PDB file of N, CA and C in Angstrom:
ATOM      1  N   UNK A   1     -46.345  -1.099  18.725  1.00  0.00           N
ATOM      2  CA  UNK A   1     -45.654  -1.491  17.958  1.00  0.00           C
ATOM      3  C   UNK A   1     -44.585  -2.625  17.565  1.00  0.00           C
ATOM      4  N   UNK A   2     -44.770  -3.524  19.443  1.00  0.00           N
ATOM      5  CA  UNK A   2     -44.620  -4.622  18.993  1.00  0.00           C
ATOM      6  C   UNK A   2     -45.578  -6.072  19.174  1.00  0.00           C
ATOM      7  N   UNK A   3     -46.752  -5.995  19.169  1.00  0.00           N
ATOM      8  CA  UNK A   3     -47.843  -6.514  18.505  1.00  0.00           C
ATOM      9  C   UNK A   3     -47.516  -6.509  17.527  1.00  0.00           C
ATOM     10  N   UNK A   4     -48.075  -5.875  16.704  1.00  0.00           N
ATOM     11  CA  UNK A   4     -47.272  -5.371  15.021  1.00  0.00           C
ATOM     12  C   UNK A   4     -46.845  -6.649  14.313  1.00  0.00           C
ATOM     13  N   UNK A   5     -44.988  -6.363  14.910  1.00  0.00           N
ATOM     14  CA  UNK A   5     -44.045  -6.952  14.875  1.00  0.00           C
ATOM     15  C   UNK A   5     -44.479  -8.823  15.212  1.00  0.00           C
ATOM     16  N   UNK A   6     -44.897  -8.660  16.258  1.00  0.00           N
ATOM     17  CA  UNK A   6     -44.989 -10.660  16.219  1.00  0.00           C
ATOM     18  C   UNK A   6     -46.533 -10.939  15.732  1.00  0.00           C
ATOM     19  N   UNK A   7     -47.090  -9.920  14.631  1.00  0.00           N
ATOM     20  CA  UNK A   7     -48.527 -10.261  13.428  1.00  0.00           C
ATOM     21  C   UNK A   7     -47.717 -10.830  12.525  1.00  0.00           C
ATOM     22  N   UNK A   8     -47.085  -9.651  12.025  1.00  0.00           N
ATOM     23  CA  UNK A   8     -45.539 -10.336  11.138  1.00  0.00           C
ATOM     24  C   UNK A   8     -44.584 -10.795  11.517  1.00  0.00           C
ATOM     25  N   UNK A   9     -44.358 -11.507  11.987  1.00  0.00           N
ATOM     26  CA  UNK A   9     -43.681 -12.400  12.499  1.00  0.00           C
ATOM     27  C   UNK A   9     -44.342 -14.073  12.181  1.00  0.00           C
ATOM     28  N   UNK A  10     -45.532 -14.258  12.564  1.00  0.00           N
ATOM     29  CA  UNK A  10     -46.484 -14.955  12.591  1.00  0.00           C
ATOM     30  C   UNK A  10     -46.979 -15.415  14.064  1.00  0.00           C
ATOM     31  N   UNK A  11     -47.331 -14.922  14.917  1.00  0.00           N
ATOM     32  CA  UNK A  11     -47.187 -15.140  16.660  1.00  0.00           C
ATOM     33  C   UNK A  11     -48.060 -14.693  16.562  1.00  0.00           C
ATOM     34  N   UNK A  12     -49.381 -14.087  15.664  1.00  0.00           N
ATOM     35  CA  UNK A  12     -50.770 -13.325  16.124  1.00  0.00           C
ATOM     36  C   UNK A  12     -51.154 -13.796  15.049  1.00  0.00           C
ATOM     37  N   UNK A  13     -52.414 -15.081  15.274  1.00  0.00           N
ATOM     38  CA  UNK A  13     -53.363 -15.021  14.097  1.00  0.00           C
ATOM     39  C   UNK A  13     -54.291 -13.938  14.285  1.00  0.00           C
ATOM     40  N   UNK A  14     -55.197 -13.278  14.966  1.00  0.00           N
ATOM     41  CA  UNK A  14     -56.078 -12.542  14.993  1.00  0.00           C
ATOM     42  C   UNK A  14     -55.929 -11.424  16.741  1.00  0.00           C
ATOM     43  N   UNK A  15     -56.013 -10.192  16.061  1.00  0.00           N
ATOM     44  CA  UNK A  15     -56.279  -9.037  17.335  1.00  0.00           C
ATOM     45  C   UNK A  15     -57.386  -8.462  17.412  1.00  0.00           C
ATOM     46  N   UNK A  16     -57.741  -8.976  18.776  1.00  0.00           N
ATOM     47  CA  UNK A  16     -59.045  -8.180  19.356  1.00  0.00           C
ATOM     48  C   UNK A  16     -58.276  -6.493  20.089  1.00  0.00           C
ATOM     49  N   UNK A  17     -59.524  -5.975  20.169  1.00  0.00           N
ATOM     50  CA  UNK A  17     -59.679  -4.585  21.034  1.00  0.00           C
ATOM     51  C   UNK A  17     -60.592  -3.932  21.300  1.00  0.00           C
ATOM     52  N   UNK A  18     -61.216  -3.866  22.071  1.00  0.00           N
ATOM     53  CA  UNK A  18     -61.859  -3.330  23.138  1.00  0.00           C
ATOM     54  C   UNK A  18     -62.701  -2.129  22.351  1.00  0.00           C
ATOM     55  N   UNK A  19     -62.285  -1.344  21.231  1.00  0.00           N
ATOM     56  CA  UNK A  19     -62.865  -0.380  20.456  1.00  0.00           C
ATOM     57  C   UNK A  19     -62.074   0.332  19.632  1.00  0.00           C
ATOM     58  N   UNK A  20     -62.585   1.006  18.909  1.00  0.00           N
ATOM     59  CA  UNK A  20     -61.953   1.327  17.600  1.00  0.00           C
ATOM     60  C   UNK A  20     -61.551   3.096  18.292  1.00  0.00           C
ATOM     61  N   UNK A  21     -61.748   3.887  19.062  1.00  0.00           N
ATOM     62  CA  UNK A  21     -61.476   4.998  19.415  1.00  0.00           C
ATOM     63  C   UNK A  21     -60.061   4.537  20.615  1.00  0.00           C
ATOM     64  N   UNK A  22     -59.657   3.156  20.841  1.00  0.00           N
ATOM     65  CA  UNK A  22     -58.692   3.012  21.180  1.00  0.00           C
ATOM     66  C   UNK A  22     -57.491   2.434  20.869  1.00  0.00           C
ATOM     67  N   UNK A  23     -57.668   2.054  19.275  1.00  0.00           N
ATOM     68  CA  UNK A  23     -56.945   0.938  18.411  1.00  0.00           C
ATOM     69  C   UNK A  23     -55.895   1.785  17.995  1.00  0.00           C
ATOM     70  N   UNK A  24     -56.164   3.342  17.835  1.00  0.00           N
ATOM     71  CA  UNK A  24     -55.374   4.684  17.507  1.00  0.00           C
ATOM     72  C   UNK A  24     -55.184   5.630  17.739  1.00  0.00           C
ATOM     73  N   UNK A  25     -54.596   6.303  17.423  1.00  0.00           N
ATOM     74  CA  UNK A  25     -54.597   7.787  16.972  1.00  0.00           C
ATOM     75  C   UNK A  25     -55.243   8.799  16.585  1.00  0.00           C
ATOM     76  N   UNK A  26     -55.388   8.830  15.267  1.00  0.00           N
ATOM     77  CA  UNK A  26     -56.203   9.095  14.541  1.00  0.00           C
ATOM     78  C   UNK A  26     -56.217   7.770  13.694  1.00  0.00           C
ATOM     79  N   UNK A  27     -57.450   8.727  12.313  1.00  0.00           N
ATOM     80  CA  UNK A  27     -57.899   7.646  11.438  1.00  0.00           C
ATOM     81  C   UNK A  27     -56.893   7.418  10.388  1.00  0.00           C
ATOM     82  N   UNK A  28     -55.890   8.326  10.600  1.00  0.00           N
ATOM     83  CA  UNK A  28     -54.678   7.820   9.654  1.00  0.00           C
ATOM     84  C   UNK A  28     -54.127   6.240   9.679  1.00  0.00           C
ATOM     85  N   UNK A  29     -53.425   6.546  10.842  1.00  0.00           N
ATOM     86  CA  UNK A  29     -52.956   5.282  11.852  1.00  0.00           C
ATOM     87  C   UNK A  29     -53.845   4.648  12.311  1.00  0.00           C
ATOM     88  N   UNK A  30     -54.973   4.466  12.472  1.00  0.00           N
ATOM     89  CA  UNK A  30     -56.269   3.824  11.869  1.00  0.00           C
ATOM     90  C   UNK A  30     -55.691   2.802  10.798  1.00  0.00           C
ATOM     91  N   UNK A  31     -56.168   3.254   9.591  1.00  0.00           N
ATOM     92  CA  UNK A  31     -56.557   2.523   8.512  1.00  0.00           C
ATOM     93  C   UNK A  31     -55.319   1.564   8.090  1.00  0.00           C
ATOM     94  N   UNK A  32     -54.208   3.008   8.618  1.00  0.00           N
ATOM     95  CA  UNK A  32     -52.420   1.507   8.072  1.00  0.00           C
ATOM     96  C   UNK A  32     -52.734   1.000   8.777  1.00  0.00           C
ATOM     97  N   UNK A  33     -52.996   0.201  10.663  1.00  0.00           N
ATOM     98  CA  UNK A  33     -52.408  -0.849  10.811  1.00  0.00           C
ATOM     99  C   UNK A  33     -53.642  -1.638  10.017  1.00  0.00           C
ATOM    100  N   UNK A  34     -54.582  -1.674   9.618  1.00  0.00           N
ATOM    101  CA  UNK A  34     -56.036  -2.580   9.556  1.00  0.00           C
ATOM    102  C   UNK A  34     -55.646  -3.290   8.809  1.00  0.00           C
ATOM    103  N   UNK A  35     -55.315  -2.347   6.948  1.00  0.00           N
ATOM    104  CA  UNK A  35     -54.649  -2.618   6.487  1.00  0.00           C
ATOM    105  C   UNK A  35     -53.984  -3.196   5.836  1.00  0.00           C
ATOM    106  N   UNK A  36     -52.179  -2.837   6.593  1.00  0.00           N
ATOM    107  CA  UNK A  36     -51.509  -4.045   6.605  1.00  0.00           C
ATOM    108  C   UNK A  36     -51.784  -5.640   7.752  1.00  0.00           C
ATOM    109  N   UNK A  37     -52.388  -5.176   8.184  1.00  0.00           N
ATOM    110  CA  UNK A  37     -52.727  -6.905   9.090  1.00  0.00           C
ATOM    111  C   UNK A  37     -53.473  -6.979   8.178  1.00  0.00           C
ATOM    112  N   UNK A  38     -54.471  -6.674   7.993  1.00  0.00           N
ATOM    113  CA  UNK A  38     -55.721  -8.054   6.368  1.00  0.00           C
ATOM    114  C   UNK A  38     -54.810  -7.808   5.137  1.00  0.00           C
ATOM    115  N   UNK A  39     -53.284  -6.592   5.534  1.00  0.00           N
ATOM    116  CA  UNK A  39     -52.703  -8.031   4.301  1.00  0.00           C
ATOM    117  C   UNK A  39     -51.943  -8.999   4.115  1.00  0.00           C
ATOM    118  N   UNK A  40     -51.543  -8.860   6.091  1.00  0.00           N
ATOM    119  CA  UNK A  40     -51.266 -10.770   6.570  1.00  0.00           C
ATOM    120  C   UNK A  40     -52.725 -11.708   6.931  1.00  0.00           C
ATOM    121  N   UNK A  41     -53.428 -11.282   5.802  1.00  0.00           N
ATOM    122  CA  UNK A  41     -54.808 -12.013   6.493  1.00  0.00           C
ATOM    123  C   UNK A  41     -55.076 -12.254   8.339  1.00  0.00           C
ATOM    124  N   UNK A  42     -54.368 -11.426   9.070  1.00  0.00           N
ATOM    125  CA  UNK A  42     -55.112 -10.894  10.287  1.00  0.00           C
ATOM    126  C   UNK A  42     -55.897 -10.004  10.744  1.00  0.00           C
ATOM    127  N   UNK A  43     -57.242 -10.309  11.110  1.00  0.00           N
ATOM    128  CA  UNK A  43     -58.207  -9.823  11.058  1.00  0.00           C
ATOM    129  C   UNK A  43     -58.049  -9.159  12.627  1.00  0.00           C
ATOM    130  N   UNK A  44     -59.134  -7.702  13.071  1.00  0.00           N
ATOM    131  CA  UNK A  44     -58.998  -7.464  13.999  1.00  0.00           C
ATOM    132  C   UNK A  44     -60.817  -7.234  14.286  1.00  0.00           C
ATOM    133  N   UNK A  45     -61.125  -7.510  15.292  1.00  0.00           N
ATOM    134  CA  UNK A  45     -62.009  -7.084  16.016  1.00  0.00           C
ATOM    135  C   UNK A  45     -62.529  -6.329  16.888  1.00  0.00           C
ATOM    136  N   UNK A  46     -63.043  -6.246  16.723  1.00  0.00           N
ATOM    137  CA  UNK A  46     -63.274  -4.176  17.757  1.00  0.00           C
ATOM    138  C   UNK A  46     -64.760  -5.221  18.611  1.00  0.00           C
ATOM    139  N   UNK A  47     -64.597  -5.440  19.687  1.00  0.00           N
ATOM    140  CA  UNK A  47     -65.232  -5.762  20.792  1.00  0.00           C
ATOM    141  C   UNK A  47     -66.600  -4.559  20.563  1.00  0.00           C
ATOM    142  N   UNK A  48     -66.629  -3.464  21.583  1.00  0.00           N
ATOM    143  CA  UNK A  48     -68.072  -2.767  21.898  1.00  0.00           C
ATOM    144  C   UNK A  48     -68.147  -2.331  19.998  1.00  0.00           C
ATOM    145  N   UNK A  49     -67.891  -2.568  19.235  1.00  0.00           N
ATOM    146  CA  UNK A  49     -69.089  -2.103  18.180  1.00  0.00           C
ATOM    147  C   UNK A  49     -69.343  -3.782  16.958  1.00  0.00           C
ATOM    148  N   UNK A  50     -68.433  -4.468  17.679  1.00  0.00           N
ATOM    149  CA  UNK A  50     -68.484  -5.378  17.077  1.00  0.00           C
ATOM    150  C   UNK A  50     -68.550  -6.082  15.292  1.00  0.00           C
ATOM    151  N   UNK A  51     -67.184  -5.492  15.075  1.00  0.00           N
ATOM    152  CA  UNK A  51     -66.426  -5.111  13.232  1.00  0.00           C
ATOM    153  C   UNK A  51     -65.952  -6.207  13.362  1.00  0.00           C
ATOM    154  N   UNK A  52     -65.682  -6.464  12.514  1.00  0.00           N
ATOM    155  CA  UNK A  52     -64.585  -7.358  11.973  1.00  0.00           C
ATOM    156  C   UNK A  52     -63.905  -7.318  10.609  1.00  0.00           C
ATOM    157  N   UNK A  53     -62.545  -6.488  10.717  1.00  0.00           N
ATOM    158  CA  UNK A  53     -61.746  -6.157   9.317  1.00  0.00           C
ATOM    159  C   UNK A  53     -62.137  -7.211   8.591  1.00  0.00           C
ATOM    160  N   UNK A  54     -62.390  -8.069   8.733  1.00  0.00           N
ATOM    161  CA  UNK A  54     -61.968  -8.939   7.253  1.00  0.00           C
ATOM    162  C   UNK A  54     -63.294  -9.180   6.851  1.00  0.00           C
ATOM    163  N   UNK A  55     -64.622  -8.468   6.905  1.00  0.00           N
ATOM    164  CA  UNK A  55     -65.447  -8.477   6.956  1.00  0.00           C
ATOM    165  C   UNK A  55     -66.228  -7.765   5.626  1.00  0.00           C
ATOM    166  N   UNK A  56     -66.733  -7.382   4.507  1.00  0.00           N
ATOM    167  CA  UNK A  56     -67.214  -7.072   3.407  1.00  0.00           C
ATOM    168  C   UNK A  56     -67.011  -5.658   4.457  1.00  0.00           C
ATOM    169  N   UNK A  57     -68.138  -5.087   4.970  1.00  0.00           N
ATOM    170  CA  UNK A  57     -68.097  -3.310   5.306  1.00  0.00           C
ATOM    171  C   UNK A  57     -66.824  -3.218   5.876  1.00  0.00           C
ATOM    172  N   UNK A  58     -66.633  -3.985   7.054  1.00  0.00           N
ATOM    173  CA  UNK A  58     -65.949  -3.152   7.739  1.00  0.00           C
ATOM    174  C   UNK A  58     -65.101  -2.230   7.805  1.00  0.00           C
ATOM    175  N   UNK A  59     -64.020  -2.518   7.214  1.00  0.00           N
ATOM    176  CA  UNK A  59     -62.852  -1.144   7.018  1.00  0.00           C
ATOM    177  C   UNK A  59     -63.719   0.038   6.079  1.00  0.00           C
ATOM    178  N   UNK A  60     -65.249  -0.166   6.182  1.00  0.00           N
ATOM    179  CA  UNK A  60     -66.323   1.353   5.404  1.00  0.00           C
ATOM    180  C   UNK A  60     -66.304   1.739   6.874  1.00  0.00           C
ATOM    181  N   UNK A  61     -67.005   0.748   7.544  1.00  0.00           N
ATOM    182  CA  UNK A  61     -67.295   1.480   9.302  1.00  0.00           C
ATOM    183  C   UNK A  61     -66.177   1.361   9.922  1.00  0.00           C
ATOM    184  N   UNK A  62     -65.127   1.034  10.196  1.00  0.00           N
ATOM    185  CA  UNK A  62     -64.555   1.180  10.994  1.00  0.00           C
ATOM    186  C   UNK A  62     -63.417   2.917  10.828  1.00  0.00           C
ATOM    187  N   UNK A  63     -63.647   3.110   9.001  1.00  0.00           N
ATOM    188  CA  UNK A  63     -63.516   4.789   8.544  1.00  0.00           C
ATOM    189  C   UNK A  63     -64.174   5.646   9.239  1.00  0.00           C
ATOM    190  N   UNK A  64     -65.324   5.458   9.129  1.00  0.00           N
ATOM    191  CA  UNK A  64     -66.362   6.202   9.847  1.00  0.00           C
ATOM    192  C   UNK A  64     -66.459   6.488  10.848  1.00  0.00           C
ATOM    193  N   UNK A  65     -65.969   5.178  12.147  1.00  0.00           N
ATOM    194  CA  UNK A  65     -66.329   5.318  13.478  1.00  0.00           C
ATOM    195  C   UNK A  65     -64.670   5.902  14.057  1.00  0.00           C
ATOM    196  N   UNK A  66     -63.743   5.902  13.081  1.00  0.00           N
ATOM    197  CA  UNK A  66     -62.069   6.458  13.276  1.00  0.00           C
ATOM    198  C   UNK A  66     -62.187   7.652  13.508  1.00  0.00           C
ATOM    199  N   UNK A  67     -63.507   8.003  12.770  1.00  0.00           N
ATOM    200  CA  UNK A  67     -62.825   9.838  12.184  1.00  0.00           C
ATOM    201  C   UNK A  67     -63.690  10.333  13.368  1.00  0.00           C
ATOM    202  N   UNK A  68     -64.890   9.654  13.915  1.00  0.00           N
ATOM    203  CA  UNK A  68     -65.839  10.774  14.639  1.00  0.00           C
ATOM    204  C   UNK A  68     -64.843  10.103  15.756  1.00  0.00           C
ATOM    205  N   UNK A  69     -64.069   9.005  16.271  1.00  0.00           N
ATOM    206  CA  UNK A  69     -63.521   9.506  17.715  1.00  0.00           C
ATOM    207  C   UNK A  69     -62.232   9.502  17.675  1.00  0.00           C
ATOM    208  N   UNK A  70     -61.800  10.285  16.510  1.00  0.00           N
ATOM    209  CA  UNK A  70     -60.548  11.435  16.450  1.00  0.00           C
ATOM    210  C   UNK A  70     -61.393  12.670  16.710  1.00  0.00           C
ATOM    211  N   UNK A  71     -62.335  13.362  16.433  1.00  0.00           N
ATOM    212  CA  UNK A  71     -63.313  14.151  16.515  1.00  0.00           C
ATOM    213  C   UNK A  71     -63.409  14.738  17.532  1.00  0.00           C
ATOM    214  N   UNK A  72     -64.238  13.305  18.514  1.00  0.00           N
ATOM    215  CA  UNK A  72     -64.283  13.760  20.112  1.00  0.00           C
ATOM    216  C   UNK A  72     -63.422  13.136  20.756  1.00  0.00           C
ATOM    217  N   UNK A  73     -62.053  12.926  20.297  1.00  0.00           N
ATOM    218  CA  UNK A  73     -60.611  12.864  21.441  1.00  0.00           C
ATOM    219  C   UNK A  73     -60.264  14.537  20.938  1.00  0.00           C
ATOM    220  N   UNK A  74     -60.587  15.008  19.853  1.00  0.00           N
ATOM    221  CA  UNK A  74     -59.678  16.702  19.488  1.00  0.00           C
ATOM    222  C   UNK A  74     -60.655  17.633  20.233  1.00  0.00           C
ATOM    223  N   UNK A  75     -61.969  16.959  20.438  1.00  0.00           N
ATOM    224  CA  UNK A  75     -62.350  18.305  21.133  1.00  0.00           C
ATOM    225  C   UNK A  75     -62.735  17.969  22.920  1.00  0.00           C
ATOM    226  N   UNK A  76     -62.519  17.462  22.940  1.00  0.00           N
ATOM    227  CA  UNK A  76     -62.181  17.229  24.671  1.00  0.00           C
ATOM    228  C   UNK A  76     -60.725  17.883  24.838  1.00  0.00           C
ATOM    229  N   UNK A  77     -60.266  17.315  24.084  1.00  0.00           N
ATOM    230  CA  UNK A  77     -58.365  17.882  23.870  1.00  0.00           C
ATOM    231  C   UNK A  77     -59.170  19.798  24.766  1.00  0.00           C
ATOM    232  N   UNK A  78     -59.403  19.886  23.812  1.00  0.00           N
ATOM    233  CA  UNK A  78     -59.553  21.504  23.773  1.00  0.00           C
ATOM    234  C   UNK A  78     -60.731  21.495  24.866  1.00  0.00           C
ATOM    235  N   UNK A  79     -61.361  21.194  25.255  1.00  0.00           N
ATOM    236  CA  UNK A  79     -61.803  21.601  26.305  1.00  0.00           C
ATOM    237  C   UNK A  79     -61.277  21.542  28.202  1.00  0.00           C
ATOM    238  N   UNK A  80     -60.715  20.382  27.961  1.00  0.00           N
ATOM    239  CA  UNK A  80     -59.376  20.266  28.627  1.00  0.00           C
ATOM    240  C   UNK A  80     -58.565  21.948  28.848  1.00  0.00           C
ATOM    241  N   UNK A  81     -57.251  22.501  27.070  1.00  0.00           N
ATOM    242  CA  UNK A  81     -57.053  23.493  27.239  1.00  0.00           C
ATOM    243  C   UNK A  81     -57.910  24.639  28.021  1.00  0.00           C
ATOM    244  N   UNK A  82     -58.990  24.671  27.541  1.00  0.00           N
ATOM    245  CA  UNK A  82     -59.827  25.973  27.579  1.00  0.00           C
ATOM    246  C   UNK A  82     -59.774  26.383  29.242  1.00  0.00           C
ATOM    247  N   UNK A  83     -60.442  24.902  29.554  1.00  0.00           N
ATOM    248  CA  UNK A  83     -60.731  24.590  31.451  1.00  0.00           C
ATOM    249  C   UNK A  83     -59.621  24.985  31.775  1.00  0.00           C
TER     250      UNK A  83
END
């Protein structure tokens, strides 16, 4: 949340994230913050996937991959609970 506040204050002009799966807990949060930063003209670059949110297809790819990451996280959590 501090990073988002720093972006809003104009202290950050680009965000680097290791991967989409590390960006947010779920797809809705992921898209919410991506769109918030995009409105501020602050790109997010996901290094593992080589996706820039300011590119034309960036948000579409992020949506798909974030959904997959959310499902994978839920599956791992369920497996841990069963174990």
